[in-house]
Amino acid sequence: MNNDNVSTRSSSPVLLWLGLVVSGTVNAAGPLVGLGLVPRMVAGAIAVVMIALLVTHYVRRRRA
């Protein structure tokens, strides 16, 4: 018996959301704790990449 109808959940959305929250927090709280411009820009870039990956994951999941 083949069980192809079972949807599998991966941990990738959880990790992407976690990365987005952490990088967004670092980016937003950076000026308050005295982080330099470079670490905040890196955190912002990571946040943008995480958003793009979450959108890509959502679109691919909706097509399947």
Protein backbone atom coordinates (compact mmCIF):
# COMPACT_ATOMS: atom_id res chain seq x y z
CA MET A 1 0.00 0.00 0.00
CA ASN A 2 1.40 3.35 -1.05
CA ASN A 3 0.88 6.35 1.21
CA ASP A 4 1.46 9.24 -1.22
CA ASN A 5 -1.28 11.47 0.16
CA VAL A 6 0.48 12.16 3.45
CA SER A 7 1.89 15.67 3.49
CA THR A 8 5.37 15.91 4.91
CA ARG A 9 6.36 18.92 6.97
CA SER A 10 9.95 19.95 6.93
CA SER A 11 11.71 22.08 9.47
CA SER A 12 12.78 24.62 6.86
CA PRO A 13 9.94 27.12 7.46
CA VAL A 14 10.62 27.07 11.18
CA LEU A 15 14.31 27.71 10.62
CA LEU A 16 13.57 30.46 8.09
CA TRP A 17 11.19 32.20 10.51
CA LEU A 18 13.72 31.88 13.31
CA GLY A 19 16.45 33.38 11.13
CA LEU A 20 14.13 36.21 10.11
CA VAL A 21 13.21 37.02 13.71
CA VAL A 22 16.82 36.93 14.91
CA SER A 23 18.21 38.99 12.03
CA GLY A 24 15.34 41.47 12.25
CA THR A 25 15.89 41.86 15.98
CA VAL A 26 19.62 42.44 15.50
CA ASN A 27 18.89 44.93 12.74
CA ALA A 28 16.29 46.83 14.76
CA ALA A 29 18.09 46.78 18.12
CA GLY A 30 21.53 47.47 16.65
CA PRO A 31 21.49 51.23 17.13
CA LEU A 32 20.22 50.85 20.69
CA VAL A 33 23.09 48.59 21.75
CA GLY A 34 25.75 50.37 19.74
CA LEU A 35 26.35 47.96 16.85
CA GLY A 36 28.20 49.36 13.90
CA LEU A 37 26.79 49.87 10.44
CA VAL A 38 28.30 46.73 8.91
CA PRO A 39 26.73 44.19 11.31
CA ARG A 40 23.35 45.89 10.95
CA MET A 41 23.59 45.84 7.17
CA VAL A 42 24.52 42.14 7.23
CA ALA A 43 21.58 41.42 9.52
CA GLY A 44 19.29 43.37 7.20
CA ALA A 45 20.56 41.47 4.18
CA ILE A 46 19.99 38.16 5.98
CA ALA A 47 16.44 39.27 6.80
CA VAL A 48 15.76 40.08 3.14
CA VAL A 49 17.12 36.67 2.07
CA MET A 50 14.96 34.92 4.68
CA ILE A 51 11.86 36.74 3.42
CA ALA A 52 12.65 35.73 -0.16
CA LEU A 53 13.17 32.11 0.88
CA LEU A 54 9.90 32.07 2.85
CA VAL A 55 8.00 33.41 -0.16
CA THR A 56 9.67 30.84 -2.41
CA HIS A 57 8.80 28.05 0.01
CA TYR A 58 5.18 29.21 0.18
CA VAL A 59 4.81 29.43 -3.61
CA ARG A 60 6.36 26.00 -4.18
CA ARG A 61 4.15 24.46 -1.51
CA ARG A 62 1.01 26.01 -3.00
CA ARG A 63 1.80 24.54 -6.45
CA ALA A 64 2.28 21.02 -5.15
